[in-house]
Amino acid sequence: MLLRMTLPTHRPEPLASAPSVSDLIASGQRSISFEFFPPKDEKGERLLWTTLRELEPLQPTFVSVTYGAGGSTRDRTIRLTEGIATHTTLTPMAHLTVVGHSRDELRSVIGSYAAAGVRNVLAMRGDPPGGPGTPWTPTPGGLTYATELIELVTSLGDFCAGATAFPLGHREAESLEADARVLRAKQDAGAEFAITELFFRVEDYFALLERCAAVGVHIPVLPGIMPITSLPQITRMVELSGREIPREVVDRVSRFEGDPAAVRAEGIAIATEMCDALLAGGSPGLHFYTLNRSTATREIYAGLGSTVG
C-alpha cells in the first residue's frame, strides 16, 4: 500500500457530488487537463504527489490516471485515483480497459471507483494482450469493444464516460472514415467526450474533427499533447502506436542533438505553438501527457498566457 504511505496529510472537505468532465468542459472556459501514470515505487509516488501539488494551482478541469496493459496497475490506479479525489481539490478521471478482465471483474473495478467517489471514467479497449500491433484476443467472459465498456460503465451508476480518438486513425482501422464511425459508435454508446492520442500536426486534429462531424459526432474532442523533452524517448512511445514523428518536427529538434537543454526548449516551443494554434482554431481545451512531471507542462501553460481559462 505504498500510495497510502505517501499521501498528503491535508484532506479537504469532499464534494457532495463530484462534477462530470462533460459538464466541466461545457462550462464555457477552455479545458486544461493533465494525465499521469501510477508510479512503480515509493520514490515515484513522492515525485507524483509533488507534481500534483505543483499543477494544482493551475486549476485544471480534471486530471486522469492511466490503467496499465492488461490491468497490470489496477490496484495502484484505483488507490491513486481515490487519493486524488479525497486529498486534493482536483477532479480525477480514471482509465479502464477491457484487456485481461471478465465482465464481472470490470464491474468490480467500476464499483471500486464509485465507492471512491470517482464518477469520470475513460473507457478503452486497450492494446491486445500480446502488445500493440498483435492480433486481438478477447478475455474469456470479457468484452471486445470499447463501446461495450462504455455501455457497461454508464449502466452501473452516475458515471461520465469518455472515449479515445485518433487524429491519424487507429492502427487497426480500415480507413480514416471507418475510424470516425467508430467514434460515432462510442458516442452512441454513451461517451460524453473524447481525448486524442498524442500527435504533432495541428491539421491532423482538425481533419479528425471534420471527419467526425460528417458522421454525426458532436461530443467535444480534447487534443492530447506531449512536449518533446527527449527525442529518443518520445520516438519509442510514438512507435508503440504504429506512428512516426513528422519529419519536420524531427528536423527542428534533432538540430540541437548533443544539447539536452536546447532539445527540451525546442520541444516545448513546438508544443506551445501547437497549443496556441489548437485553441485559436476552436479546440475545447488541451490534455497534457505529463510523464508525471510538471515543469514542461507549466512552461507551456505560462507561454499560452490568457488563451486558457
C-alpha atoms as a PDB file:
ATOM      1  CA  MET A   1       0.000   0.000   0.000  1.00  0.00           C
ATOM      2  CA  LEU A   2       2.733   2.432  -0.960  1.00  0.00           C
ATOM      3  CA  LEU A   3       0.300   5.109  -2.027  1.00  0.00           C
ATOM      4  CA  ARG A   4      -1.229   5.340   1.430  1.00  0.00           C
ATOM      5  CA  MET A   5       2.241   5.758   2.909  1.00  0.00           C
ATOM      6  CA  THR A   6       2.912   8.818   0.797  1.00  0.00           C
ATOM      7  CA  LEU A   7      -0.449  10.572   0.697  1.00  0.00           C
ATOM      8  CA  PRO A   8      -0.504  14.222   1.798  1.00  0.00           C
ATOM      9  CA  THR A   9      -1.864  14.869   5.287  1.00  0.00           C
ATOM     10  CA  HIS A  10      -4.119  17.741   4.202  1.00  0.00           C
ATOM     11  CA  ARG A  11      -7.594  16.449   3.447  1.00  0.00           C
ATOM     12  CA  PRO A  12     -10.067  18.983   2.020  1.00  0.00           C
ATOM     13  CA  GLU A  13     -13.766  18.515   2.516  1.00  0.00           C
ATOM     14  CA  PRO A  14     -15.073  16.055  -0.115  1.00  0.00           C
ATOM     15  CA  LEU A  15     -17.509  17.358  -2.683  1.00  0.00           C
ATOM     16  CA  ALA A  16     -21.097  16.301  -2.167  1.00  0.00           C
ATOM     17  CA  SER A  17     -21.215  15.277  -5.802  1.00  0.00           C
ATOM     18  CA  ALA A  18     -18.109  15.177  -7.954  1.00  0.00           C
ATOM     19  CA  PRO A  19     -18.534  17.164 -11.178  1.00  0.00           C
ATOM     20  CA  SER A  20     -18.645  15.376 -14.502  1.00  0.00           C
ATOM     21  CA  VAL A  21     -15.917  16.057 -17.044  1.00  0.00           C
ATOM     22  CA  SER A  22     -18.524  16.758 -19.710  1.00  0.00           C
ATOM     23  CA  ASP A  23     -20.149  19.447 -17.548  1.00  0.00           C
ATOM     24  CA  LEU A  24     -16.765  20.981 -16.778  1.00  0.00           C
ATOM     25  CA  ILE A  25     -15.817  21.096 -20.456  1.00  0.00           C
ATOM     26  CA  ALA A  26     -19.184  22.655 -21.285  1.00  0.00           C
ATOM     27  CA  SER A  27     -18.818  25.336 -18.609  1.00  0.00           C
ATOM     28  CA  GLY A  28     -17.684  27.923 -21.144  1.00  0.00           C
ATOM     29  CA  GLN A  29     -13.981  28.035 -20.314  1.00  0.00           C
ATOM     30  CA  ARG A  30     -11.162  26.323 -22.147  1.00  0.00           C
ATOM     31  CA  SER A  31     -10.478  22.952 -20.567  1.00  0.00           C
ATOM     32  CA  ILE A  32      -6.975  22.071 -19.441  1.00  0.00           C
ATOM     33  CA  SER A  33      -6.213  18.614 -18.089  1.00  0.00           C
ATOM     34  CA  PHE A  34      -3.224  16.502 -17.104  1.00  0.00           C
ATOM     35  CA  GLU A  35      -2.563  12.778 -17.383  1.00  0.00           C
ATOM     36  CA  PHE A  36      -0.448  10.698 -15.007  1.00  0.00           C
ATOM     37  CA  PHE A  37       0.512   7.063 -14.674  1.00  0.00           C
ATOM     38  CA  PRO A  38       0.683   5.023 -11.437  1.00  0.00           C
ATOM     39  CA  PRO A  39       4.287   5.083 -10.166  1.00  0.00           C
ATOM     40  CA  LYS A  40       6.139   1.838  -9.562  1.00  0.00           C
ATOM     41  CA  ASP A  41       7.733   2.633  -6.213  1.00  0.00           C
ATOM     42  CA  GLU A  42       7.689   4.991  -3.251  1.00  0.00           C
ATOM     43  CA  LYS A  43      10.169   7.402  -4.841  1.00  0.00           C
ATOM     44  CA  GLY A  44       7.928   7.654  -7.890  1.00  0.00           C
ATOM     45  CA  GLU A  45       4.920   8.295  -5.682  1.00  0.00           C
ATOM     46  CA  ARG A  46       6.673  11.159  -3.902  1.00  0.00           C
ATOM     47  CA  LEU A  47       7.549  12.660  -7.290  1.00  0.00           C
ATOM     48  CA  LEU A  48       3.958  12.290  -8.499  1.00  0.00           C
ATOM     49  CA  TRP A  49       2.487  13.989  -5.437  1.00  0.00           C
ATOM     50  CA  THR A  50       4.966  16.815  -5.837  1.00  0.00           C
ATOM     51  CA  THR A  51       3.871  17.137  -9.467  1.00  0.00           C
ATOM     52  CA  LEU A  52       0.204  17.135  -8.488  1.00  0.00           C
ATOM     53  CA  ARG A  53       0.774  19.904  -5.947  1.00  0.00           C
ATOM     54  CA  GLU A  54       2.731  21.963  -8.487  1.00  0.00           C
ATOM     55  CA  LEU A  55      -0.025  21.648 -11.087  1.00  0.00           C
ATOM     56  CA  GLU A  56      -2.964  22.078  -8.698  1.00  0.00           C
ATOM     57  CA  PRO A  57      -2.709  25.927  -8.696  1.00  0.00           C
ATOM     58  CA  LEU A  58      -3.386  25.895 -12.441  1.00  0.00           C
ATOM     59  CA  GLN A  59      -6.895  24.669 -11.567  1.00  0.00           C
ATOM     60  CA  PRO A  60      -7.144  22.010 -14.279  1.00  0.00           C
ATOM     61  CA  THR A  61     -10.550  20.857 -15.414  1.00  0.00           C
ATOM     62  CA  PHE A  62      -9.580  17.323 -14.448  1.00  0.00           C
ATOM     63  CA  VAL A  63      -6.608  15.015 -14.080  1.00  0.00           C
ATOM     64  CA  SER A  64      -6.519  11.438 -15.328  1.00  0.00           C
ATOM     65  CA  VAL A  65      -4.757   8.283 -14.183  1.00  0.00           C
ATOM     66  CA  THR A  66      -3.781   5.594 -16.679  1.00  0.00           C
ATOM     67  CA  TYR A  67      -4.545   1.891 -16.461  1.00  0.00           C
ATOM     68  CA  GLY A  68      -1.670  -0.448 -17.260  1.00  0.00           C
ATOM     69  CA  ALA A  69      -1.773  -3.060 -20.005  1.00  0.00           C
ATOM     70  CA  GLY A  70      -3.960  -5.992 -19.046  1.00  0.00           C
ATOM     71  CA  GLY A  71      -4.956  -4.270 -15.824  1.00  0.00           C
ATOM     72  CA  SER A  72      -1.369  -4.530 -14.546  1.00  0.00           C
ATOM     73  CA  THR A  73      -1.719  -1.334 -12.498  1.00  0.00           C
ATOM     74  CA  ARG A  74      -5.320  -1.920 -11.445  1.00  0.00           C
ATOM     75  CA  ASP A  75      -4.849  -1.592  -7.670  1.00  0.00           C
ATOM     76  CA  ARG A  76      -2.414   1.327  -7.893  1.00  0.00           C
ATOM     77  CA  THR A  77      -4.651   3.138 -10.377  1.00  0.00           C
ATOM     78  CA  ILE A  78      -7.659   2.796  -8.091  1.00  0.00           C
ATOM     79  CA  ARG A  79      -5.717   3.887  -4.979  1.00  0.00           C
ATOM     80  CA  LEU A  80      -4.162   6.855  -6.756  1.00  0.00           C
ATOM     81  CA  THR A  81      -7.470   7.978  -8.230  1.00  0.00           C
ATOM     82  CA  GLU A  82      -9.117   7.666  -4.815  1.00  0.00           C
ATOM     83  CA  GLY A  83      -6.255   9.618  -3.238  1.00  0.00           C
ATOM     84  CA  ILE A  84      -6.621  12.472  -5.708  1.00  0.00           C
ATOM     85  CA  ALA A  85     -10.375  12.567  -5.092  1.00  0.00           C
ATOM     86  CA  THR A  86     -10.016  12.764  -1.314  1.00  0.00           C
ATOM     87  CA  HIS A  87      -6.709  14.568  -0.726  1.00  0.00           C
ATOM     88  CA  THR A  88      -6.730  17.325  -3.356  1.00  0.00           C
ATOM     89  CA  THR A  89      -9.100  19.853  -4.885  1.00  0.00           C
ATOM     90  CA  LEU A  90      -8.641  18.167  -8.282  1.00  0.00           C
ATOM     91  CA  THR A  91     -11.321  16.279 -10.208  1.00  0.00           C
ATOM     92  CA  PRO A  92      -9.915  12.848 -11.098  1.00  0.00           C
ATOM     93  CA  MET A  93     -10.786  10.748 -14.115  1.00  0.00           C
ATOM     94  CA  ALA A  94      -9.897   7.068 -14.033  1.00  0.00           C
ATOM     95  CA  HIS A  95      -8.884   4.964 -17.020  1.00  0.00           C
ATOM     96  CA  LEU A  96     -10.265   1.495 -17.642  1.00  0.00           C
ATOM     97  CA  THR A  97      -9.588  -1.106 -20.351  1.00  0.00           C
ATOM     98  CA  VAL A  98     -11.263  -4.411 -21.160  1.00  0.00           C
ATOM     99  CA  VAL A  99      -7.957  -6.275 -21.556  1.00  0.00           C
ATOM    100  CA  GLY A 100      -7.410  -9.116 -19.110  1.00  0.00           C
ATOM    101  CA  HIS A 101     -10.745  -8.697 -17.306  1.00  0.00           C
ATOM    102  CA  SER A 102     -14.004 -10.601 -17.310  1.00  0.00           C
ATOM    103  CA  ARG A 103     -17.255  -8.652 -17.229  1.00  0.00           C
ATOM    104  CA  ASP A 104     -17.595  -9.403 -13.502  1.00  0.00           C
ATOM    105  CA  GLU A 105     -14.084  -8.101 -12.821  1.00  0.00           C
ATOM    106  CA  LEU A 106     -14.860  -4.936 -14.737  1.00  0.00           C
ATOM    107  CA  ARG A 107     -17.998  -4.479 -12.643  1.00  0.00           C
ATOM    108  CA  SER A 108     -15.850  -4.814  -9.529  1.00  0.00           C
ATOM    109  CA  VAL A 109     -13.367  -2.176 -10.731  1.00  0.00           C
ATOM    110  CA  ILE A 110     -16.177   0.210 -11.644  1.00  0.00           C
ATOM    111  CA  GLY A 111     -17.683  -0.386  -8.208  1.00  0.00           C
ATOM    112  CA  SER A 112     -14.352   0.485  -6.595  1.00  0.00           C
ATOM    113  CA  TYR A 113     -14.316   3.772  -8.468  1.00  0.00           C
ATOM    114  CA  ALA A 114     -17.869   4.514  -7.404  1.00  0.00           C
ATOM    115  CA  ALA A 115     -17.001   3.766  -3.769  1.00  0.00           C
ATOM    116  CA  ALA A 116     -14.090   6.212  -4.015  1.00  0.00           C
ATOM    117  CA  GLY A 117     -16.418   8.943  -5.256  1.00  0.00           C
ATOM    118  CA  VAL A 118     -14.964   8.875  -8.768  1.00  0.00           C
ATOM    119  CA  ARG A 119     -17.584   9.369 -11.463  1.00  0.00           C
ATOM    120  CA  ASN A 120     -15.454  10.066 -14.551  1.00  0.00           C
ATOM    121  CA  VAL A 121     -14.010   7.122 -16.487  1.00  0.00           C
ATOM    122  CA  LEU A 122     -12.089   6.994 -19.766  1.00  0.00           C
ATOM    123  CA  ALA A 123     -13.269   3.674 -21.211  1.00  0.00           C
ATOM    124  CA  MET A 124     -10.984   1.992 -23.746  1.00  0.00           C
ATOM    125  CA  ARG A 125     -10.483  -1.392 -25.323  1.00  0.00           C
ATOM    126  CA  GLY A 126      -6.733  -1.195 -24.743  1.00  0.00           C
ATOM    127  CA  ASP A 127      -3.834  -2.804 -26.584  1.00  0.00           C
ATOM    128  CA  PRO A 128      -4.037  -6.535 -27.406  1.00  0.00           C
ATOM    129  CA  PRO A 129      -2.635  -8.864 -24.721  1.00  0.00           C
ATOM    130  CA  GLY A 130       0.366  -9.554 -26.955  1.00  0.00           C
ATOM    131  CA  GLY A 131       1.180  -5.872 -27.265  1.00  0.00           C
ATOM    132  CA  PRO A 132       0.481  -3.150 -29.858  1.00  0.00           C
ATOM    133  CA  GLY A 133       0.123  -4.484 -33.378  1.00  0.00           C
ATOM    134  CA  THR A 134      -0.585  -8.094 -32.375  1.00  0.00           C
ATOM    135  CA  PRO A 135      -3.919  -9.856 -33.045  1.00  0.00           C
ATOM    136  CA  TRP A 136      -6.758  -9.059 -30.660  1.00  0.00           C
ATOM    137  CA  THR A 137      -7.832 -11.906 -28.362  1.00  0.00           C
ATOM    138  CA  PRO A 138     -10.809 -11.278 -26.051  1.00  0.00           C
ATOM    139  CA  THR A 139     -10.573 -12.309 -22.409  1.00  0.00           C
ATOM    140  CA  PRO A 140     -12.892 -15.263 -21.642  1.00  0.00           C
ATOM    141  CA  GLY A 141     -16.102 -13.844 -20.208  1.00  0.00           C
ATOM    142  CA  GLY A 142     -14.959 -10.339 -21.062  1.00  0.00           C
ATOM    143  CA  LEU A 143     -15.665  -7.645 -23.610  1.00  0.00           C
ATOM    144  CA  THR A 144     -14.270  -6.986 -27.065  1.00  0.00           C
ATOM    145  CA  TYR A 145     -15.038  -3.364 -27.892  1.00  0.00           C
ATOM    146  CA  ALA A 146     -14.727  -0.014 -26.162  1.00  0.00           C
ATOM    147  CA  THR A 147     -18.394   0.595 -26.955  1.00  0.00           C
ATOM    148  CA  GLU A 148     -19.323  -2.364 -24.743  1.00  0.00           C
ATOM    149  CA  LEU A 149     -17.255  -0.991 -21.873  1.00  0.00           C
ATOM    150  CA  ILE A 150     -18.785   2.464 -22.249  1.00  0.00           C
ATOM    151  CA  GLU A 151     -22.252   0.892 -22.091  1.00  0.00           C
ATOM    152  CA  LEU A 152     -21.252  -1.101 -19.001  1.00  0.00           C
ATOM    153  CA  VAL A 153     -19.795   1.901 -17.194  1.00  0.00           C
ATOM    154  CA  THR A 154     -22.805   4.118 -17.828  1.00  0.00           C
ATOM    155  CA  SER A 155     -25.229   1.354 -16.853  1.00  0.00           C
ATOM    156  CA  LEU A 156     -23.738   0.963 -13.386  1.00  0.00           C
ATOM    157  CA  GLY A 157     -24.290   4.409 -11.949  1.00  0.00           C
ATOM    158  CA  ASP A 158     -23.989   8.145 -12.400  1.00  0.00           C
ATOM    159  CA  PHE A 159     -20.802   7.943 -14.441  1.00  0.00           C
ATOM    160  CA  CYS A 160     -19.496  10.255 -17.139  1.00  0.00           C
ATOM    161  CA  ALA A 161     -17.705   8.106 -19.724  1.00  0.00           C
ATOM    162  CA  GLY A 162     -15.027   9.314 -22.087  1.00  0.00           C
ATOM    163  CA  ALA A 163     -13.567   7.703 -25.204  1.00  0.00           C
ATOM    164  CA  THR A 164     -10.320   7.780 -27.144  1.00  0.00           C
ATOM    165  CA  ALA A 165      -9.865   9.287 -30.603  1.00  0.00           C
ATOM    166  CA  PHE A 166      -7.083   9.090 -33.174  1.00  0.00           C
ATOM    167  CA  PRO A 167      -6.066  12.016 -35.420  1.00  0.00           C
ATOM    168  CA  LEU A 168      -4.327   9.608 -37.811  1.00  0.00           C
ATOM    169  CA  GLY A 169      -6.841   6.813 -37.318  1.00  0.00           C
ATOM    170  CA  HIS A 170      -6.474   3.789 -35.060  1.00  0.00           C
ATOM    171  CA  ARG A 171      -3.755   1.465 -36.307  1.00  0.00           C
ATOM    172  CA  GLU A 172      -6.375  -1.286 -36.806  1.00  0.00           C
ATOM    173  CA  ALA A 173      -8.919   0.908 -38.607  1.00  0.00           C
ATOM    174  CA  GLU A 174      -9.861   0.020 -42.189  1.00  0.00           C
ATOM    175  CA  SER A 175      -9.830   3.701 -43.150  1.00  0.00           C
ATOM    176  CA  LEU A 176      -9.985   7.152 -41.614  1.00  0.00           C
ATOM    177  CA  GLU A 177     -13.705   7.284 -42.380  1.00  0.00           C
ATOM    178  CA  ALA A 178     -14.269   3.928 -40.667  1.00  0.00           C
ATOM    179  CA  ASP A 179     -12.342   5.188 -37.664  1.00  0.00           C
ATOM    180  CA  ALA A 180     -14.634   8.228 -37.457  1.00  0.00           C
ATOM    181  CA  ARG A 181     -17.638   5.917 -37.465  1.00  0.00           C
ATOM    182  CA  VAL A 182     -16.138   4.060 -34.513  1.00  0.00           C
ATOM    183  CA  LEU A 183     -16.066   7.296 -32.518  1.00  0.00           C
ATOM    184  CA  ARG A 184     -19.697   7.850 -33.501  1.00  0.00           C
ATOM    185  CA  ALA A 185     -20.470   4.373 -32.125  1.00  0.00           C
ATOM    186  CA  LYS A 186     -18.720   5.283 -28.856  1.00  0.00           C
ATOM    187  CA  GLN A 187     -20.820   8.433 -28.663  1.00  0.00           C
ATOM    188  CA  ASP A 188     -23.974   6.432 -29.293  1.00  0.00           C
ATOM    189  CA  ALA A 189     -22.927   4.015 -26.535  1.00  0.00           C
ATOM    190  CA  GLY A 190     -22.836   6.886 -24.044  1.00  0.00           C
ATOM    191  CA  ALA A 191     -19.439   8.590 -24.341  1.00  0.00           C
ATOM    192  CA  GLU A 192     -19.749  12.289 -23.489  1.00  0.00           C
ATOM    193  CA  PHE A 193     -16.283  13.441 -24.586  1.00  0.00           C
ATOM    194  CA  ALA A 194     -13.129  12.092 -26.218  1.00  0.00           C
ATOM    195  CA  ILE A 195      -9.379  12.556 -25.858  1.00  0.00           C
ATOM    196  CA  THR A 196      -6.950  12.001 -28.714  1.00  0.00           C
ATOM    197  CA  GLU A 197      -3.696  10.122 -28.633  1.00  0.00           C
ATOM    198  CA  LEU A 198      -0.641  12.366 -28.895  1.00  0.00           C
ATOM    199  CA  PHE A 199       0.060  13.951 -32.283  1.00  0.00           C
ATOM    200  CA  PHE A 200       2.335  16.620 -33.760  1.00  0.00           C
ATOM    201  CA  ARG A 201       0.458  18.248 -36.641  1.00  0.00           C
ATOM    202  CA  VAL A 202      -2.390  20.604 -35.799  1.00  0.00           C
ATOM    203  CA  GLU A 203      -4.001  19.948 -39.183  1.00  0.00           C
ATOM    204  CA  ASP A 204      -4.375  16.262 -38.303  1.00  0.00           C
ATOM    205  CA  TYR A 205      -6.544  17.180 -35.313  1.00  0.00           C
ATOM    206  CA  PHE A 206      -8.837  19.462 -37.293  1.00  0.00           C
ATOM    207  CA  ALA A 207      -9.091  16.893 -40.083  1.00  0.00           C
ATOM    208  CA  LEU A 208     -10.255  14.399 -37.437  1.00  0.00           C
ATOM    209  CA  LEU A 209     -12.947  16.826 -36.294  1.00  0.00           C
ATOM    210  CA  GLU A 210     -14.157  17.273 -39.880  1.00  0.00           C
ATOM    211  CA  ARG A 211     -14.405  13.508 -40.450  1.00  0.00           C
ATOM    212  CA  CYS A 212     -16.218  13.037 -37.174  1.00  0.00           C
ATOM    213  CA  ALA A 213     -18.663  15.875 -37.788  1.00  0.00           C
ATOM    214  CA  ALA A 214     -19.501  14.302 -41.155  1.00  0.00           C
ATOM    215  CA  VAL A 215     -20.763  11.164 -39.398  1.00  0.00           C
ATOM    216  CA  GLY A 216     -22.621  12.979 -36.628  1.00  0.00           C
ATOM    217  CA  VAL A 217     -20.098  13.150 -33.802  1.00  0.00           C
ATOM    218  CA  HIS A 218     -20.894  16.166 -31.623  1.00  0.00           C
ATOM    219  CA  ILE A 219     -19.121  15.401 -28.336  1.00  0.00           C
ATOM    220  CA  PRO A 220     -16.072  17.566 -27.507  1.00  0.00           C
ATOM    221  CA  VAL A 221     -12.728  16.082 -28.561  1.00  0.00           C
ATOM    222  CA  LEU A 222      -9.735  17.178 -26.489  1.00  0.00           C
ATOM    223  CA  PRO A 223      -6.339  17.123 -28.240  1.00  0.00           C
ATOM    224  CA  GLY A 224      -3.641  15.125 -26.454  1.00  0.00           C
ATOM    225  CA  ILE A 225      -0.305  16.964 -26.188  1.00  0.00           C
ATOM    226  CA  MET A 226       3.102  15.671 -25.125  1.00  0.00           C
ATOM    227  CA  PRO A 227       6.079  18.039 -25.360  1.00  0.00           C
ATOM    228  CA  ILE A 228       9.301  16.569 -26.694  1.00  0.00           C
ATOM    229  CA  THR A 229      11.883  16.709 -23.923  1.00  0.00           C
ATOM    230  CA  SER A 230      13.854  13.722 -25.220  1.00  0.00           C
ATOM    231  CA  LEU A 231      13.638  12.721 -28.879  1.00  0.00           C
ATOM    232  CA  PRO A 232      14.588   9.021 -28.380  1.00  0.00           C
ATOM    233  CA  GLN A 233      12.071   8.653 -25.547  1.00  0.00           C
ATOM    234  CA  ILE A 234       9.119  10.102 -27.415  1.00  0.00           C
ATOM    235  CA  THR A 235      10.083   8.288 -30.624  1.00  0.00           C
ATOM    236  CA  ARG A 236       9.764   4.972 -28.782  1.00  0.00           C
ATOM    237  CA  MET A 237       6.387   5.974 -27.391  1.00  0.00           C
ATOM    238  CA  VAL A 238       5.060   7.037 -30.786  1.00  0.00           C
ATOM    239  CA  GLU A 239       6.269   3.816 -32.410  1.00  0.00           C
ATOM    240  CA  LEU A 240       4.148   1.806 -29.970  1.00  0.00           C
ATOM    241  CA  SER A 241       1.125   3.341 -31.679  1.00  0.00           C
ATOM    242  CA  GLY A 242       2.484   2.434 -35.105  1.00  0.00           C
ATOM    243  CA  ARG A 243       3.277   6.077 -35.860  1.00  0.00           C
ATOM    244  CA  GLU A 244       6.245   8.207 -36.774  1.00  0.00           C
ATOM    245  CA  ILE A 245       7.098  11.698 -35.619  1.00  0.00           C
ATOM    246  CA  PRO A 246       6.700  14.038 -38.623  1.00  0.00           C
ATOM    247  CA  ARG A 247       9.935  14.739 -40.428  1.00  0.00           C
ATOM    248  CA  GLU A 248       9.665  18.497 -39.971  1.00  0.00           C
ATOM    249  CA  VAL A 249       9.368  18.038 -36.202  1.00  0.00           C
ATOM    250  CA  VAL A 250      12.326  15.678 -36.052  1.00  0.00           C
ATOM    251  CA  ASP A 251      14.381  18.162 -38.089  1.00  0.00           C
ATOM    252  CA  ARG A 252      13.549  21.032 -35.733  1.00  0.00           C
ATOM    253  CA  VAL A 253      14.560  19.085 -32.647  1.00  0.00           C
ATOM    254  CA  SER A 254      17.483  16.996 -33.937  1.00  0.00           C
ATOM    255  CA  ARG A 255      19.484  20.065 -34.984  1.00  0.00           C
ATOM    256  CA  PHE A 256      20.130  20.507 -31.256  1.00  0.00           C
ATOM    257  CA  GLU A 257      21.357  16.939 -30.795  1.00  0.00           C
ATOM    258  CA  GLY A 258      24.004  16.807 -28.087  1.00  0.00           C
ATOM    259  CA  ASP A 259      22.491  19.722 -26.173  1.00  0.00           C
ATOM    260  CA  PRO A 260      19.673  18.285 -23.983  1.00  0.00           C
ATOM    261  CA  ALA A 261      18.618  21.709 -22.702  1.00  0.00           C
ATOM    262  CA  ALA A 262      18.253  23.069 -26.241  1.00  0.00           C
ATOM    263  CA  VAL A 263      16.347  19.939 -27.363  1.00  0.00           C
ATOM    264  CA  ARG A 264      13.964  20.389 -24.461  1.00  0.00           C
ATOM    265  CA  ALA A 265      13.486  24.110 -25.168  1.00  0.00           C
ATOM    266  CA  GLU A 266      12.692  23.442 -28.825  1.00  0.00           C
ATOM    267  CA  GLY A 267      10.275  20.654 -27.893  1.00  0.00           C
ATOM    268  CA  ILE A 268       8.427  22.985 -25.534  1.00  0.00           C
ATOM    269  CA  ALA A 269       8.367  25.691 -28.217  1.00  0.00           C
ATOM    270  CA  ILE A 270       6.809  23.251 -30.708  1.00  0.00           C
ATOM    271  CA  ALA A 271       4.179  22.149 -28.178  1.00  0.00           C
ATOM    272  CA  THR A 272       3.356  25.757 -27.256  1.00  0.00           C
ATOM    273  CA  GLU A 273       2.908  26.698 -30.925  1.00  0.00           C
ATOM    274  CA  MET A 274       0.600  23.698 -31.371  1.00  0.00           C
ATOM    275  CA  CYS A 275      -1.466  24.617 -28.320  1.00  0.00           C
ATOM    276  CA  ASP A 276      -1.871  28.219 -29.462  1.00  0.00           C
ATOM    277  CA  ALA A 277      -2.992  27.062 -32.910  1.00  0.00           C
ATOM    278  CA  LEU A 278      -5.381  24.459 -31.484  1.00  0.00           C
ATOM    279  CA  LEU A 279      -7.064  26.958 -29.180  1.00  0.00           C
ATOM    280  CA  ALA A 280      -7.208  29.615 -31.901  1.00  0.00           C
ATOM    281  CA  GLY A 281      -8.878  27.065 -34.171  1.00  0.00           C
ATOM    282  CA  GLY A 282     -11.612  26.310 -31.651  1.00  0.00           C
ATOM    283  CA  SER A 283     -10.319  23.333 -29.677  1.00  0.00           C
ATOM    284  CA  PRO A 284     -12.359  22.931 -26.462  1.00  0.00           C
ATOM    285  CA  GLY A 285      -9.128  22.662 -24.491  1.00  0.00           C
ATOM    286  CA  LEU A 286      -5.855  20.800 -24.089  1.00  0.00           C
ATOM    287  CA  HIS A 287      -4.973  17.458 -22.494  1.00  0.00           C
ATOM    288  CA  PHE A 288      -1.314  17.101 -21.458  1.00  0.00           C
ATOM    289  CA  TYR A 289       0.514  13.800 -21.164  1.00  0.00           C
ATOM    290  CA  THR A 290       2.861  14.786 -18.321  1.00  0.00           C
ATOM    291  CA  LEU A 291       5.006  11.664 -17.718  1.00  0.00           C
ATOM    292  CA  ASN A 292       4.410  12.528 -14.026  1.00  0.00           C
ATOM    293  CA  ARG A 293       6.464  15.726 -14.200  1.00  0.00           C
ATOM    294  CA  SER A 294       5.200  19.282 -14.098  1.00  0.00           C
ATOM    295  CA  THR A 295       7.927  21.612 -15.357  1.00  0.00           C
ATOM    296  CA  ALA A 296       7.431  21.316 -19.126  1.00  0.00           C
ATOM    297  CA  THR A 297       3.642  21.481 -18.793  1.00  0.00           C
ATOM    298  CA  ARG A 298       3.832  24.570 -16.588  1.00  0.00           C
ATOM    299  CA  GLU A 299       6.184  26.262 -19.054  1.00  0.00           C
ATOM    300  CA  ILE A 300       3.791  25.599 -21.939  1.00  0.00           C
ATOM    301  CA  TYR A 301       0.856  26.838 -19.873  1.00  0.00           C
ATOM    302  CA  ALA A 302       2.739  30.040 -18.988  1.00  0.00           C
ATOM    303  CA  GLY A 303       3.548  30.563 -22.669  1.00  0.00           C
ATOM    304  CA  LEU A 304      -0.131  30.407 -23.580  1.00  0.00           C
ATOM    305  CA  GLY A 305      -0.912  33.446 -21.448  1.00  0.00           C
ATOM    306  CA  SER A 306      -4.616  34.282 -21.365  1.00  0.00           C
ATOM    307  CA  THR A 307      -5.676  31.849 -24.087  1.00  0.00           C
ATOM    308  CA  VAL A 308      -6.742  29.243 -21.490  1.00  0.00           C
ATOM    309  CA  GLY A 309      -9.433  29.897 -18.931  1.00  0.00           C
END
